[in-house]
Amino acid sequence: MGRAELAGVHSWIILTECERWQGLPRLGAPLHSRPLAKRRTLVLFKPPETPGEGGMSPLGTVTELIGRLKGFNVWPDGSGAMGFGESLGTATLYGPGFILELPYAASGASSPDKAEITQALVYCNDDDYAWPVLSRICKANAWKMMDPDSGRTFG
């Protein structure tokens, strides 16, 4: 270390000792505990063809959805036995600012190629990047996004 760096360390030690004597919080200690930002969770779904009909229309199979979403830079990471994640019963895809989970085990199909996906779970890590891409995906496929906390739908 050079003389300037040692002087900076020495000043920091003196400052922290002075703060301790005065009963002040130590240097580098947070003054308040700030909560972490909550990750936004959304559900992608396709509304029924006729407005009065109940339930949701299927989005497609896992392989169909991977093929449909690759144009939007959404792709699995290639891990796992089938190539789309380590979680059993769920295909995990990664897009700009979000993670998309396709639960295929809930449909009861024997393989993900035969499972009809009716909804997808989206975890937004960065809304600034994720929102435009998710909006374009919904517009291109006639899907909707729903905020499960408030029940509001978008898209």
Protein backbone atom coordinates (compact mmCIF):
# COMPACT_ATOMS: atom_id res chain seq x y z
CA MET A 1 0.00 0.00 0.00
CA GLY A 2 1.13 3.51 -0.73
CA ARG A 3 1.29 6.34 1.77
CA ALA A 4 -2.01 7.87 0.52
CA GLU A 5 -3.87 4.56 0.94
CA LEU A 6 -2.48 4.08 4.45
CA ALA A 7 -3.54 7.61 5.37
CA GLY A 8 -7.09 6.83 4.18
CA VAL A 9 -7.20 3.64 6.28
CA HIS A 10 -5.78 5.46 9.29
CA SER A 11 -8.41 8.23 8.94
CA TRP A 12 -11.17 5.65 8.72
CA ILE A 13 -9.98 3.90 11.90
CA ILE A 14 -9.84 7.19 13.81
CA LEU A 15 -13.28 8.18 12.51
CA THR A 16 -14.88 4.91 13.58
CA GLU A 17 -13.27 5.13 17.03
CA CYS A 18 -14.57 8.70 17.44
CA GLU A 19 -18.06 7.59 16.39
CA ARG A 20 -17.97 4.78 18.94
CA TRP A 21 -16.98 7.20 21.73
CA GLN A 22 -19.81 9.57 20.80
CA GLY A 23 -22.36 6.76 20.75
CA LEU A 24 -22.94 7.17 17.02
CA PRO A 25 -23.52 4.17 14.76
CA ARG A 26 -20.38 2.64 13.33
CA LEU A 27 -19.24 3.75 9.92
CA GLY A 28 -20.75 1.52 7.26
CA ALA A 29 -23.63 0.38 9.46
CA PRO A 30 -27.02 1.03 7.87
CA LEU A 31 -28.97 3.83 9.52
CA HIS A 32 -32.25 2.12 8.71
CA SER A 33 -33.26 -1.25 7.41
CA ARG A 34 -34.67 -0.80 3.93
CA PRO A 35 -36.92 -3.61 2.68
CA LEU A 36 -35.95 -5.28 -0.57
CA ALA A 37 -38.10 -4.61 -3.59
CA LYS A 38 -40.78 -7.22 -4.18
CA ARG A 39 -40.49 -9.16 -7.39
CA ARG A 40 -43.58 -8.64 -9.50
CA THR A 41 -45.46 -11.83 -10.29
CA LEU A 42 -47.79 -12.07 -13.28
CA VAL A 43 -49.88 -14.83 -14.81
CA LEU A 44 -50.11 -15.19 -18.60
CA PHE A 45 -53.32 -16.71 -19.89
CA LYS A 46 -55.48 -16.84 -22.99
CA PRO A 47 -59.04 -15.67 -22.43
CA PRO A 48 -61.83 -17.94 -23.70
CA GLU A 49 -62.96 -17.51 -27.30
CA THR A 50 -66.51 -16.55 -26.32
CA PRO A 51 -66.93 -13.97 -23.53
CA GLY A 52 -69.50 -15.95 -21.49
CA GLU A 53 -67.51 -19.18 -21.52
CA GLY A 54 -65.73 -20.11 -18.30
CA GLY A 55 -62.16 -21.33 -17.91
CA MET A 56 -59.10 -20.54 -19.96
CA SER A 57 -58.10 -21.58 -23.44
CA PRO A 58 -54.81 -23.49 -23.71
CA LEU A 59 -51.67 -21.52 -24.60
CA GLY A 60 -50.16 -24.59 -26.29
CA THR A 61 -47.71 -27.36 -25.45
CA VAL A 62 -44.25 -26.70 -24.01
CA THR A 63 -42.49 -27.22 -27.35
CA GLU A 64 -45.04 -25.03 -29.16
CA LEU A 65 -44.56 -22.26 -26.61
CA ILE A 66 -40.77 -22.46 -26.79
CA GLY A 67 -41.01 -22.15 -30.58
CA ARG A 68 -43.44 -19.25 -30.30
CA LEU A 69 -41.43 -17.34 -27.70
CA LYS A 70 -37.94 -17.69 -29.21
CA GLY A 71 -38.68 -14.73 -31.49
CA PHE A 72 -39.01 -12.58 -28.35
CA ASN A 73 -35.60 -13.67 -26.95
CA VAL A 74 -37.24 -16.04 -24.45
CA TRP A 75 -35.49 -19.38 -24.20
CA PRO A 76 -34.71 -22.22 -21.75
CA ASP A 77 -31.18 -22.45 -20.39
CA GLY A 78 -30.66 -26.02 -21.63
CA SER A 79 -30.24 -27.59 -18.20
CA GLY A 80 -32.06 -30.67 -16.99
CA ALA A 81 -32.90 -33.94 -18.66
CA MET A 82 -35.28 -32.40 -21.21
CA GLY A 83 -33.37 -29.16 -21.73
CA PHE A 84 -35.71 -26.72 -20.05
CA GLY A 85 -34.77 -26.62 -16.39
CA GLU A 86 -34.07 -28.69 -13.33
CA SER A 87 -37.54 -28.36 -11.74
CA LEU A 88 -39.68 -31.43 -12.21
CA GLY A 89 -43.00 -30.68 -13.84
CA THR A 90 -42.06 -27.14 -14.79
CA ALA A 91 -40.32 -25.73 -17.85
CA THR A 92 -38.34 -22.60 -17.00
CA LEU A 93 -37.68 -20.03 -19.73
CA TYR A 94 -35.61 -16.85 -19.40
CA GLY A 95 -36.38 -13.57 -21.11
CA PRO A 96 -35.16 -10.00 -20.84
CA GLY A 97 -35.93 -8.98 -17.26
CA PHE A 98 -38.16 -11.95 -16.40
CA ILE A 99 -38.38 -15.67 -15.76
CA LEU A 100 -41.29 -17.63 -17.24
CA GLU A 101 -42.46 -20.93 -15.73
CA LEU A 102 -44.69 -23.34 -17.63
CA PRO A 103 -46.24 -25.93 -15.28
CA TYR A 104 -46.83 -29.02 -17.42
CA ALA A 105 -47.23 -31.61 -14.64
CA ALA A 106 -50.57 -30.16 -13.51
CA SER A 107 -52.21 -31.16 -16.80
CA GLY A 108 -51.69 -34.87 -16.06
CA ALA A 109 -50.05 -35.56 -19.42
CA SER A 110 -47.30 -38.17 -19.64
CA SER A 111 -44.81 -35.85 -21.36
CA PRO A 112 -44.42 -32.09 -21.75
CA ASP A 113 -44.98 -32.42 -25.50
CA LYS A 114 -48.53 -33.60 -24.86
CA ALA A 115 -49.38 -31.29 -21.95
CA GLU A 116 -51.70 -28.39 -22.74
CA ILE A 117 -50.48 -25.34 -20.81
CA THR A 118 -53.36 -23.07 -19.74
CA GLN A 119 -51.36 -20.49 -17.81
CA ALA A 120 -47.76 -19.41 -17.31
CA LEU A 121 -46.20 -17.79 -14.27
CA VAL A 122 -43.92 -14.78 -14.85
CA TYR A 123 -41.46 -13.38 -12.30
CA CYS A 124 -40.31 -9.88 -13.30
CA ASN A 125 -36.78 -9.06 -12.18
CA ASP A 126 -36.59 -5.77 -14.07
CA ASP A 127 -39.87 -4.15 -15.13
CA ASP A 128 -38.17 -1.71 -17.51
CA TYR A 129 -36.91 -4.57 -19.69
CA ALA A 130 -39.68 -7.11 -19.08
CA TRP A 131 -42.81 -5.03 -19.62
CA PRO A 132 -42.35 -4.14 -23.33
CA VAL A 133 -41.43 -7.73 -24.21
CA LEU A 134 -44.36 -9.20 -22.27
CA SER A 135 -46.72 -6.68 -23.88
CA ARG A 136 -45.55 -7.68 -27.35
CA ILE A 137 -45.86 -11.39 -26.51
CA CYS A 138 -49.44 -10.88 -25.32
CA LYS A 139 -50.39 -8.80 -28.35
CA ALA A 140 -48.90 -11.28 -30.84
CA ASN A 141 -50.58 -14.32 -29.24
CA ALA A 142 -53.90 -12.76 -28.05
CA TRP A 143 -52.96 -13.45 -24.41
CA LYS A 144 -53.54 -11.42 -21.28
CA MET A 145 -51.43 -10.73 -18.18
CA MET A 146 -52.98 -10.80 -14.74
CA ASP A 147 -51.54 -9.47 -11.50
CA PRO A 148 -52.50 -12.14 -8.94
CA ASP A 149 -52.21 -9.66 -6.03
CA SER A 150 -54.77 -7.20 -7.39
CA GLY A 151 -56.64 -9.26 -9.99
CA ARG A 152 -56.07 -6.61 -12.68
CA THR A 153 -55.56 -7.79 -16.25
CA PHE A 154 -53.32 -6.17 -18.86
CA GLY A 155 -52.58 -6.71 -22.52
